[in-house]
Amino acid sequence: MLALLMLFRPAPRRQFVLLDAEERCLVMRCARQCPAAGNWVEVSEFSLFWLGQPLPPEAVLRPLPTRRPWLLAS
């Protein structure tokens, strides 16, 4: 039963930062998915000191590999 409940629970919220053309932090956002438009980067945590500054390299998370869609046999 627990496995069934875990299957339908919502995805956890993740932390993203919007970077400008010079790689400085503009906006911080917490969401279930990466926003589609803009240069958003997933980070491990937020810090208000990052606003208007370049991100520390250790804060940036590597993107997760995308899953391949299921191929249906015909």
PDB file of N, CA and C in Angstrom:
ATOM      1  N   MET A   1       0.820  -1.197   0.000  1.00  0.00           N
ATOM      2  CA  MET A   1       0.000   0.000   0.000  1.00  0.00           C
ATOM      3  C   MET A   1       0.863   1.261   0.000  1.00  0.00           C
ATOM      4  N   LEU A   2       1.945   1.235   0.784  1.00  0.00           N
ATOM      5  CA  LEU A   2       2.836   2.391   0.844  1.00  0.00           C
ATOM      6  C   LEU A   2       3.468   2.667  -0.517  1.00  0.00           C
ATOM      7  N   ALA A   3       3.840   1.611  -1.216  1.00  0.00           N
ATOM      8  CA  ALA A   3       4.425   1.778  -2.548  1.00  0.00           C
ATOM      9  C   ALA A   3       3.427   2.431  -3.495  1.00  0.00           C
ATOM     10  N   LEU A   4       2.162   2.091  -3.381  1.00  0.00           N
ATOM     11  CA  LEU A   4       1.132   2.680  -4.222  1.00  0.00           C
ATOM     12  C   LEU A   4       0.966   4.165  -3.913  1.00  0.00           C
ATOM     13  N   LEU A   5       0.996   4.531  -2.646  1.00  0.00           N
ATOM     14  CA  LEU A   5       0.882   5.938  -2.268  1.00  0.00           C
ATOM     15  C   LEU A   5       2.085   6.743  -2.758  1.00  0.00           C
ATOM     16  N   MET A   6       3.259   6.168  -2.681  1.00  0.00           N
ATOM     17  CA  MET A   6       4.457   6.868  -3.137  1.00  0.00           C
ATOM     18  C   MET A   6       4.452   7.069  -4.644  1.00  0.00           C
ATOM     19  N   LEU A   7       3.782   6.188  -5.369  1.00  0.00           N
ATOM     20  CA  LEU A   7       3.701   6.297  -6.812  1.00  0.00           C
ATOM     21  C   LEU A   7       2.934   7.550  -7.237  1.00  0.00           C
ATOM     22  N   PHE A   8       1.930   7.940  -6.468  1.00  0.00           N
ATOM     23  CA  PHE A   8       1.065   9.059  -6.843  1.00  0.00           C
ATOM     24  C   PHE A   8       1.356  10.351  -6.095  1.00  0.00           C
ATOM     25  N   ARG A   9       2.398  10.402  -5.298  1.00  0.00           N
ATOM     26  CA  ARG A   9       2.705  11.654  -4.603  1.00  0.00           C
ATOM     27  C   ARG A   9       3.347  12.641  -5.578  1.00  0.00           C
ATOM     28  N   PRO A  10       3.169  13.934  -5.351  1.00  0.00           N
ATOM     29  CA  PRO A  10       3.737  14.927  -6.272  1.00  0.00           C
ATOM     30  C   PRO A  10       5.263  14.952  -6.187  1.00  0.00           C
ATOM     31  N   ALA A  11       5.868  15.408  -7.261  1.00  0.00           N
ATOM     32  CA  ALA A  11       7.327  15.520  -7.299  1.00  0.00           C
ATOM     33  C   ALA A  11       7.788  16.573  -6.285  1.00  0.00           C
ATOM     34  N   PRO A  12       8.947  16.369  -5.687  1.00  0.00           N
ATOM     35  CA  PRO A  12       9.429  17.349  -4.716  1.00  0.00           C
ATOM     36  C   PRO A  12       9.798  18.665  -5.398  1.00  0.00           C
ATOM     37  N   ARG A  13       9.740  19.742  -4.640  1.00  0.00           N
ATOM     38  CA  ARG A  13      10.124  21.049  -5.165  1.00  0.00           C
ATOM     39  C   ARG A  13      11.637  21.151  -5.232  1.00  0.00           C
ATOM     40  N   ARG A  14      12.117  21.777  -6.301  1.00  0.00           N
ATOM     41  CA  ARG A  14      13.546  21.967  -6.507  1.00  0.00           C
ATOM     42  C   ARG A  14      13.831  23.458  -6.589  1.00  0.00           C
ATOM     43  N   GLN A  15      15.080  23.846  -6.483  1.00  0.00           N
ATOM     44  CA  GLN A  15      15.463  25.256  -6.444  1.00  0.00           C
ATOM     45  C   GLN A  15      16.198  25.621  -7.728  1.00  0.00           C
ATOM     46  N   PHE A  16      15.758  26.733  -8.341  1.00  0.00           N
ATOM     47  CA  PHE A  16      16.329  27.197  -9.596  1.00  0.00           C
ATOM     48  C   PHE A  16      16.699  28.669  -9.482  1.00  0.00           C
ATOM     49  N   VAL A  17      17.710  29.061 -10.263  1.00  0.00           N
ATOM     50  CA  VAL A  17      18.183  30.436 -10.309  1.00  0.00           C
ATOM     51  C   VAL A  17      18.227  30.869 -11.768  1.00  0.00           C
ATOM     52  N   LEU A  18      17.716  32.079 -12.059  1.00  0.00           N
ATOM     53  CA  LEU A  18      17.769  32.632 -13.413  1.00  0.00           C
ATOM     54  C   LEU A  18      19.044  33.456 -13.535  1.00  0.00           C
ATOM     55  N   LEU A  19      19.841  33.156 -14.555  1.00  0.00           N
ATOM     56  CA  LEU A  19      21.098  33.869 -14.788  1.00  0.00           C
ATOM     57  C   LEU A  19      20.955  34.797 -15.990  1.00  0.00           C
ATOM     58  N   ASP A  20      21.628  35.948 -15.915  1.00  0.00           N
ATOM     59  CA  ASP A  20      21.626  36.876 -17.046  1.00  0.00           C
ATOM     60  C   ASP A  20      22.736  36.490 -18.025  1.00  0.00           C
ATOM     61  N   ALA A  21      22.980  37.325 -19.037  1.00  0.00           N
ATOM     62  CA  ALA A  21      23.983  37.026 -20.066  1.00  0.00           C
ATOM     63  C   ALA A  21      25.396  36.979 -19.490  1.00  0.00           C
ATOM     64  N   GLU A  22      25.612  37.651 -18.382  1.00  0.00           N
ATOM     65  CA  GLU A  22      26.933  37.665 -17.748  1.00  0.00           C
ATOM     66  C   GLU A  22      27.035  36.653 -16.604  1.00  0.00           C
ATOM     67  N   GLU A  23      26.075  35.708 -16.562  1.00  0.00           N
ATOM     68  CA  GLU A  23      26.058  34.626 -15.558  1.00  0.00           C
ATOM     69  C   GLU A  23      25.875  35.129 -14.125  1.00  0.00           C
ATOM     70  N   ARG A  24      25.157  36.248 -13.959  1.00  0.00           N
ATOM     71  CA  ARG A  24      24.841  36.758 -12.624  1.00  0.00           C
ATOM     72  C   ARG A  24      23.416  36.371 -12.262  1.00  0.00           C
ATOM     73  N   CYS A  25      23.186  36.150 -10.991  1.00  0.00           N
ATOM     74  CA  CYS A  25      21.884  35.716 -10.490  1.00  0.00           C
ATOM     75  C   CYS A  25      20.876  36.865 -10.533  1.00  0.00           C
ATOM     76  N   LEU A  26      19.729  36.622 -11.170  1.00  0.00           N
ATOM     77  CA  LEU A  26      18.666  37.622 -11.242  1.00  0.00           C
ATOM     78  C   LEU A  26      17.484  37.279 -10.347  1.00  0.00           C
ATOM     79  N   VAL A  27      17.051  36.021 -10.383  1.00  0.00           N
ATOM     80  CA  VAL A  27      15.839  35.592  -9.700  1.00  0.00           C
ATOM     81  C   VAL A  27      16.055  34.194  -9.128  1.00  0.00           C
ATOM     82  N   MET A  28      15.406  33.914  -7.996  1.00  0.00           N
ATOM     83  CA  MET A  28      15.415  32.579  -7.406  1.00  0.00           C
ATOM     84  C   MET A  28      13.989  32.052  -7.411  1.00  0.00           C
ATOM     85  N   ARG A  29      13.841  30.747  -7.686  1.00  0.00           N
ATOM     86  CA  ARG A  29      12.491  30.172  -7.770  1.00  0.00           C
ATOM     87  C   ARG A  29      12.514  28.730  -7.279  1.00  0.00           C
ATOM     88  N   CYS A  30      11.458  28.360  -6.599  1.00  0.00           N
ATOM     89  CA  CYS A  30      11.283  26.994  -6.128  1.00  0.00           C
ATOM     90  C   CYS A  30      10.111  26.400  -6.918  1.00  0.00           C
ATOM     91  N   ALA A  31      10.361  25.281  -7.618  1.00  0.00           N
ATOM     92  CA  ALA A  31       9.333  24.690  -8.482  1.00  0.00           C
ATOM     93  C   ALA A  31       9.562  23.186  -8.614  1.00  0.00           C
ATOM     94  N   ARG A  32       8.574  22.496  -9.163  1.00  0.00           N
ATOM     95  CA  ARG A  32       8.695  21.058  -9.376  1.00  0.00           C
ATOM     96  C   ARG A  32       9.488  20.739 -10.643  1.00  0.00           C
ATOM     97  N   GLN A  33       9.463  21.648 -11.625  1.00  0.00           N
ATOM     98  CA  GLN A  33      10.183  21.474 -12.883  1.00  0.00           C
ATOM     99  C   GLN A  33      10.956  22.744 -13.192  1.00  0.00           C
ATOM    100  N   CYS A  34      11.983  22.605 -14.017  1.00  0.00           N
ATOM    101  CA  CYS A  34      12.757  23.767 -14.440  1.00  0.00           C
ATOM    102  C   CYS A  34      11.891  24.650 -15.339  1.00  0.00           C
ATOM    103  N   PRO A  35      11.853  25.960 -15.092  1.00  0.00           N
ATOM    104  CA  PRO A  35      11.089  26.844 -15.979  1.00  0.00           C
ATOM    105  C   PRO A  35      11.606  26.726 -17.413  1.00  0.00           C
ATOM    106  N   ALA A  36      10.692  26.856 -18.360  1.00  0.00           N
ATOM    107  CA  ALA A  36      11.030  26.606 -19.765  1.00  0.00           C
ATOM    108  C   ALA A  36      11.807  27.755 -20.404  1.00  0.00           C
ATOM    109  N   ALA A  37      11.419  28.987 -20.174  1.00  0.00           N
ATOM    110  CA  ALA A  37      12.044  30.123 -20.852  1.00  0.00           C
ATOM    111  C   ALA A  37      13.113  30.755 -19.975  1.00  0.00           C
ATOM    112  N   GLY A  38      14.256  31.027 -20.557  1.00  0.00           N
ATOM    113  CA  GLY A  38      15.329  31.701 -19.835  1.00  0.00           C
ATOM    114  C   GLY A  38      16.473  30.765 -19.501  1.00  0.00           C
ATOM    115  N   ASN A  39      17.511  31.332 -18.937  1.00  0.00           N
ATOM    116  CA  ASN A  39      18.715  30.584 -18.571  1.00  0.00           C
ATOM    117  C   ASN A  39      18.620  30.160 -17.104  1.00  0.00           C
ATOM    118  N   TRP A  40      17.769  29.179 -16.805  1.00  0.00           N
ATOM    119  CA  TRP A  40      17.565  28.695 -15.447  1.00  0.00           C
ATOM    120  C   TRP A  40      18.552  27.581 -15.140  1.00  0.00           C
ATOM    121  N   VAL A  41      19.085  27.598 -13.930  1.00  0.00           N
ATOM    122  CA  VAL A  41      20.046  26.599 -13.480  1.00  0.00           C
ATOM    123  C   VAL A  41      19.560  26.063 -12.146  1.00  0.00           C
ATOM    124  N   GLU A  42      19.627  24.745 -11.966  1.00  0.00           N
ATOM    125  CA  GLU A  42      19.242  24.150 -10.683  1.00  0.00           C
ATOM    126  C   GLU A  42      20.398  24.274  -9.701  1.00  0.00           C
ATOM    127  N   VAL A  43      20.079  24.673  -8.469  1.00  0.00           N
ATOM    128  CA  VAL A  43      21.096  24.847  -7.430  1.00  0.00           C
ATOM    129  C   VAL A  43      20.730  24.008  -6.213  1.00  0.00           C
ATOM    130  N   SER A  44      21.722  23.760  -5.381  1.00  0.00           N
ATOM    131  CA  SER A  44      21.511  22.946  -4.191  1.00  0.00           C
ATOM    132  C   SER A  44      20.835  23.727  -3.072  1.00  0.00           C
ATOM    133  N   GLU A  45      21.004  25.045  -3.052  1.00  0.00           N
ATOM    134  CA  GLU A  45      20.410  25.899  -2.024  1.00  0.00           C
ATOM    135  C   GLU A  45      20.320  27.321  -2.543  1.00  0.00           C
ATOM    136  N   PHE A  46      19.574  28.157  -1.813  1.00  0.00           N
ATOM    137  CA  PHE A  46      19.469  29.580  -2.141  1.00  0.00           C
ATOM    138  C   PHE A  46      20.305  30.397  -1.166  1.00  0.00           C
ATOM    139  N   SER A  47      20.796  31.527  -1.634  1.00  0.00           N
ATOM    140  CA  SER A  47      21.432  32.500  -0.761  1.00  0.00           C
ATOM    141  C   SER A  47      21.129  33.886  -1.321  1.00  0.00           C
ATOM    142  N   LEU A  48      20.636  34.776  -0.488  1.00  0.00           N
ATOM    143  CA  LEU A  48      20.333  36.127  -0.941  1.00  0.00           C
ATOM    144  C   LEU A  48      21.582  36.890  -1.365  1.00  0.00           C
ATOM    145  N   PHE A  49      22.726  36.459  -0.918  1.00  0.00           N
ATOM    146  CA  PHE A  49      23.986  37.095  -1.303  1.00  0.00           C
ATOM    147  C   PHE A  49      24.308  36.876  -2.784  1.00  0.00           C
ATOM    148  N   TRP A  50      23.653  35.901  -3.421  1.00  0.00           N
ATOM    149  CA  TRP A  50      23.916  35.620  -4.825  1.00  0.00           C
ATOM    150  C   TRP A  50      23.267  36.629  -5.764  1.00  0.00           C
ATOM    151  N   LEU A  51      22.229  37.346  -5.319  1.00  0.00           N
ATOM    152  CA  LEU A  51      21.519  38.275  -6.202  1.00  0.00           C
ATOM    153  C   LEU A  51      22.479  39.327  -6.750  1.00  0.00           C
ATOM    154  N   GLY A  52      22.531  39.418  -8.075  1.00  0.00           N
ATOM    155  CA  GLY A  52      23.420  40.361  -8.744  1.00  0.00           C
ATOM    156  C   GLY A  52      24.865  39.902  -8.817  1.00  0.00           C
ATOM    157  N   GLN A  53      25.147  38.698  -8.343  1.00  0.00           N
ATOM    158  CA  GLN A  53      26.516  38.167  -8.310  1.00  0.00           C
ATOM    159  C   GLN A  53      26.589  36.868  -9.111  1.00  0.00           C
ATOM    160  N   PRO A  54      27.800  36.471  -9.532  1.00  0.00           N
ATOM    161  CA  PRO A  54      27.955  35.151 -10.152  1.00  0.00           C
ATOM    162  C   PRO A  54      27.716  34.051  -9.123  1.00  0.00           C
ATOM    163  N   LEU A  55      27.202  32.925  -9.574  1.00  0.00           N
ATOM    164  CA  LEU A  55      26.957  31.800  -8.670  1.00  0.00           C
ATOM    165  C   LEU A  55      28.270  31.120  -8.299  1.00  0.00           C
ATOM    166  N   PRO A  56      28.386  30.645  -7.063  1.00  0.00           N
ATOM    167  CA  PRO A  56      29.549  29.825  -6.739  1.00  0.00           C
ATOM    168  C   PRO A  56      29.444  28.494  -7.485  1.00  0.00           C
ATOM    169  N   PRO A  57      30.543  27.996  -8.044  1.00  0.00           N
ATOM    170  CA  PRO A  57      30.472  26.762  -8.846  1.00  0.00           C
ATOM    171  C   PRO A  57      29.949  25.553  -8.075  1.00  0.00           C
ATOM    172  N   GLU A  58      30.208  25.489  -6.776  1.00  0.00           N
ATOM    173  CA  GLU A  58      29.767  24.325  -6.007  1.00  0.00           C
ATOM    174  C   GLU A  58      28.259  24.312  -5.758  1.00  0.00           C
ATOM    175  N   ALA A  59      27.568  25.411  -6.013  1.00  0.00           N
ATOM    176  CA  ALA A  59      26.119  25.475  -5.786  1.00  0.00           C
ATOM    177  C   ALA A  59      25.330  24.901  -6.955  1.00  0.00           C
ATOM    178  N   VAL A  60      25.891  24.913  -8.144  1.00  0.00           N
ATOM    179  CA  VAL A  60      25.180  24.465  -9.344  1.00  0.00           C
ATOM    180  C   VAL A  60      25.130  22.945  -9.385  1.00  0.00           C
ATOM    181  N   LEU A  61      23.919  22.410  -9.557  1.00  0.00           N
ATOM    182  CA  LEU A  61      23.732  20.970  -9.686  1.00  0.00           C
ATOM    183  C   LEU A  61      23.833  20.578 -11.154  1.00  0.00           C
ATOM    184  N   ARG A  62      24.387  19.422 -11.391  1.00  0.00           N
ATOM    185  CA  ARG A  62      24.453  18.918 -12.758  1.00  0.00           C
ATOM    186  C   ARG A  62      23.059  18.492 -13.179  1.00  0.00           C
ATOM    187  N   PRO A  63      22.669  18.771 -14.431  1.00  0.00           N
ATOM    188  CA  PRO A  63      21.326  18.364 -14.877  1.00  0.00           C
ATOM    189  C   PRO A  63      21.188  16.848 -14.881  1.00  0.00           C
ATOM    190  N   LEU A  64      19.999  16.395 -14.517  1.00  0.00           N
ATOM    191  CA  LEU A  64      19.710  14.968 -14.537  1.00  0.00           C
ATOM    192  C   LEU A  64      19.571  14.498 -15.976  1.00  0.00           C
ATOM    193  N   PRO A  65      20.015  13.282 -16.272  1.00  0.00           N
ATOM    194  CA  PRO A  65      19.834  12.778 -17.640  1.00  0.00           C
ATOM    195  C   PRO A  65      18.345  12.620 -17.935  1.00  0.00           C
ATOM    196  N   THR A  66      17.977  12.938 -19.138  1.00  0.00           N
ATOM    197  CA  THR A  66      16.565  12.816 -19.522  1.00  0.00           C
ATOM    198  C   THR A  66      16.255  11.357 -19.805  1.00  0.00           C
ATOM    199  N   ARG A  67      15.043  10.973 -19.483  1.00  0.00           N
ATOM    200  CA  ARG A  67      14.621   9.597 -19.727  1.00  0.00           C
ATOM    201  C   ARG A  67      14.215   9.444 -21.179  1.00  0.00           C
ATOM    202  N   ARG A  68      14.558   8.293 -21.712  1.00  0.00           N
ATOM    203  CA  ARG A  68      14.138   8.009 -23.082  1.00  0.00           C
ATOM    204  C   ARG A  68      12.670   7.611 -23.063  1.00  0.00           C
ATOM    205  N   PRO A  69      11.898   8.099 -24.012  1.00  0.00           N
ATOM    206  CA  PRO A  69      10.485   7.688 -24.064  1.00  0.00           C
ATOM    207  C   PRO A  69      10.381   6.208 -24.370  1.00  0.00           C
ATOM    208  N   TRP A  70       9.343   5.623 -23.855  1.00  0.00           N
ATOM    209  CA  TRP A  70       9.107   4.194 -24.092  1.00  0.00           C
ATOM    210  C   TRP A  70       8.860   3.975 -25.567  1.00  0.00           C
ATOM    211  N   LEU A  71       9.518   2.990 -26.072  1.00  0.00           N
ATOM    212  CA  LEU A  71       9.310   2.631 -27.481  1.00  0.00           C
ATOM    213  C   LEU A  71       8.291   1.495 -27.528  1.00  0.00           C
ATOM    214  N   LEU A  72       7.242   1.712 -28.253  1.00  0.00           N
ATOM    215  CA  LEU A  72       6.197   0.699 -28.377  1.00  0.00           C
ATOM    216  C   LEU A  72       6.470  -0.170 -29.593  1.00  0.00           C
ATOM    217  N   ALA A  73       6.423  -1.463 -29.367  1.00  0.00           N
ATOM    218  CA  ALA A  73       6.597  -2.392 -30.493  1.00  0.00           C
ATOM    219  C   ALA A  73       5.324  -2.429 -31.305  1.00  0.00           C
ATOM    220  N   SER A  74       5.471  -2.438 -32.603  1.00  0.00           N
ATOM    221  CA  SER A  74       4.268  -2.476 -33.437  1.00  0.00           C
ATOM    222  C   SER A  74       4.065  -3.833 -34.035  1.00  0.00           C
TER     223      SER A  74
END
